[in-house]
Amino acid sequence: MPKPKLARISITVPETTLNALDQKIVDQHYESRSQAIVDMINKHLIAEQAQANEVMVGTLTILYDASQMTLRNQLIDLQQQFLTQVISSLHIQLDQQKILQVMLMQGASSELRHISQQFTALKGVIKGHLELMDAVMPPIPQND
């Protein structure tokens, strides 16, 4: 894949803003101001796409109580209910009490948020997080 063409810009910001940016670069281990600013712009653009309810790809990560047998069945039932949006799922037993599950999903951003809320609202789910990306997966070839 060819390297993307880069363009140079110049901006003027208050000194306090520049100091905050430089601290963010240190805290989040960015290599440069440019890298940090591009990352912030991309996050803003992704948020706009999500607000516009565009089709996006996302990951839903949930942590749940392994002893909740009814919860496991509810998770499976929800995945089957949203079979079109939940593309793939991986779960890992972290210890005797906790399971980490990651689901790859695709659909309209509002749809993905709604589905995620249904998963995270289940009793026994300790925490959950949906991360949306400004991409879509290529169509999956179907058997003829």
Protein backbone atom coordinates (compact mmCIF):
# COMPACT_ATOMS: atom_id res chain seq x y z
CA MET A 1 0.00 0.00 0.00
CA PRO A 2 1.51 3.35 -0.99
CA LYS A 3 2.24 5.91 1.68
CA PRO A 4 -0.46 8.59 1.92
CA LYS A 5 0.46 11.98 0.54
CA LEU A 6 1.12 14.46 3.35
CA ALA A 7 0.43 18.19 3.41
CA ARG A 8 1.96 20.76 5.74
CA ILE A 9 -0.17 23.28 7.64
CA SER A 10 0.60 25.99 10.14
CA ILE A 11 -1.66 26.93 13.05
CA THR A 12 -1.55 29.53 15.77
CA VAL A 13 -2.82 28.56 19.22
CA PRO A 14 -2.72 30.10 22.68
CA GLU A 15 0.37 29.16 24.67
CA THR A 16 -1.76 27.33 27.27
CA THR A 17 -3.24 25.17 24.51
CA LEU A 18 0.24 24.36 23.19
CA ASN A 19 1.41 23.44 26.70
CA ALA A 20 -1.61 21.16 27.15
CA LEU A 21 -0.89 19.54 23.76
CA ASP A 22 2.76 18.98 24.67
CA GLN A 23 1.70 17.36 27.95
CA LYS A 24 -0.73 15.11 26.06
CA ILE A 25 2.12 14.08 23.76
CA VAL A 26 4.19 13.04 26.77
CA ASP A 27 1.30 11.34 28.60
CA GLN A 28 0.07 9.37 25.59
CA HIS A 29 3.50 8.68 24.06
CA TYR A 30 2.90 10.37 20.71
CA GLU A 31 6.00 10.73 18.55
CA SER A 32 5.19 14.30 17.51
CA ARG A 33 2.71 17.14 17.68
CA SER A 34 1.60 16.25 14.18
CA GLN A 35 0.75 12.70 15.19
CA ALA A 36 -1.25 13.91 18.21
CA ILE A 37 -3.17 16.51 16.18
CA VAL A 38 -3.98 14.04 13.38
CA ASP A 39 -5.25 11.56 15.99
CA MET A 40 -7.48 14.23 17.56
CA ILE A 41 -8.86 15.27 14.16
CA ASN A 42 -9.58 11.63 13.26
CA LYS A 43 -11.42 11.07 16.56
CA HIS A 44 -13.51 14.18 15.88
CA LEU A 45 -14.34 13.01 12.33
CA ILE A 46 -15.31 9.54 13.61
CA ALA A 47 -17.59 11.16 16.20
CA GLU A 48 -19.26 13.18 13.43
CA GLN A 49 -19.83 10.04 11.36
CA ALA A 50 -21.33 8.33 14.39
CA GLN A 51 -23.57 11.35 14.99
CA ALA A 52 -24.72 11.20 11.36
CA ASN A 53 -25.67 7.52 11.88
CA GLU A 54 -23.35 6.23 9.16
CA VAL A 55 -22.53 2.55 8.73
CA MET A 56 -19.42 1.85 10.77
CA VAL A 57 -17.44 -1.03 12.15
CA GLY A 58 -17.01 -1.35 15.90
CA THR A 59 -15.86 -3.53 18.72
CA LEU A 60 -17.90 -4.14 21.83
CA THR A 61 -15.77 -5.29 24.75
CA ILE A 62 -17.54 -6.60 27.83
CA LEU A 63 -16.29 -8.03 31.10
CA TYR A 64 -18.71 -10.32 32.91
CA ASP A 65 -19.13 -12.65 35.84
CA ALA A 66 -18.29 -16.22 34.80
CA SER A 67 -20.57 -17.76 37.43
CA GLN A 68 -23.73 -16.29 35.84
CA MET A 69 -24.90 -19.25 33.72
CA THR A 70 -28.12 -17.48 32.70
CA LEU A 71 -26.02 -14.54 31.54
CA ARG A 72 -24.07 -16.74 29.13
CA ASN A 73 -27.35 -17.89 27.56
CA GLN A 74 -28.60 -14.30 27.35
CA LEU A 75 -25.38 -13.25 25.60
CA ILE A 76 -25.77 -16.05 23.05
CA ASP A 77 -29.44 -15.16 22.52
CA LEU A 78 -28.58 -11.49 21.89
CA GLN A 79 -25.84 -12.45 19.44
CA GLN A 80 -28.33 -14.59 17.54
CA GLN A 81 -30.90 -11.78 17.63
CA PHE A 82 -28.35 -9.42 16.06
CA LEU A 83 -26.71 -11.95 13.74
CA THR A 84 -26.50 -9.42 10.90
CA GLN A 85 -24.57 -6.89 13.00
CA VAL A 86 -22.43 -9.18 15.20
CA ILE A 87 -19.84 -10.47 12.76
CA SER A 88 -17.55 -12.31 15.15
CA SER A 89 -17.11 -12.94 18.86
CA LEU A 90 -14.20 -14.00 21.03
CA HIS A 91 -14.31 -14.73 24.73
CA ILE A 92 -11.43 -15.37 27.10
CA GLN A 93 -11.63 -16.74 30.64
CA LEU A 94 -9.45 -14.29 32.59
CA ASP A 95 -9.72 -16.01 35.96
CA GLN A 96 -12.25 -18.04 37.98
CA GLN A 97 -14.65 -15.09 38.20
CA LYS A 98 -14.28 -13.06 34.99
CA ILE A 99 -14.71 -13.52 31.25
CA LEU A 100 -13.67 -10.92 28.67
CA GLN A 101 -15.69 -10.97 25.46
CA VAL A 102 -14.98 -8.94 22.33
CA MET A 103 -17.50 -8.70 19.51
CA LEU A 104 -16.79 -7.31 16.06
CA MET A 105 -19.88 -5.52 14.78
CA GLN A 106 -20.97 -3.54 11.74
CA GLY A 107 -24.03 -1.40 11.11
CA ALA A 108 -25.46 2.08 11.51
CA SER A 109 -23.86 3.78 14.50
CA SER A 110 -27.17 4.21 16.34
CA GLU A 111 -27.92 0.53 15.79
CA LEU A 112 -24.53 -0.48 17.22
CA ARG A 113 -24.99 1.78 20.25
CA HIS A 114 -28.47 0.31 20.85
CA ILE A 115 -27.19 -3.26 20.57
CA SER A 116 -24.23 -2.49 22.85
CA GLN A 117 -26.54 -1.06 25.50
CA GLN A 118 -28.56 -4.27 25.47
CA PHE A 119 -25.43 -6.32 26.09
CA THR A 120 -24.00 -4.07 28.81
CA ALA A 121 -27.35 -3.78 30.65
CA LEU A 122 -27.51 -7.51 31.35
CA LYS A 123 -27.21 -8.52 35.01
CA GLY A 124 -23.70 -9.87 35.60
CA VAL A 125 -21.97 -7.64 33.04
CA ILE A 126 -19.33 -5.77 35.03
CA LYS A 127 -18.45 -3.24 32.33
CA GLY A 128 -18.66 -2.72 28.60
CA HIS A 129 -17.30 -0.36 25.98
CA LEU A 130 -18.18 0.23 22.32
CA GLU A 131 -15.42 1.61 20.08
CA LEU A 132 -16.53 2.80 16.63
CA MET A 133 -14.23 3.14 13.62
CA ASP A 134 -14.64 5.04 10.37
CA ALA A 135 -14.47 1.92 8.23
CA VAL A 136 -16.63 -0.87 6.89
CA MET A 137 -15.74 -4.47 6.24
CA PRO A 138 -15.79 -5.85 2.72
CA PRO A 139 -18.75 -8.09 1.91
CA ILE A 140 -18.37 -11.68 3.03
CA PRO A 141 -18.66 -14.03 0.03
CA GLN A 142 -21.62 -16.38 0.43
CA ASN A 143 -21.73 -19.98 -0.71
CA ASP A 144 -23.79 -20.35 -3.88
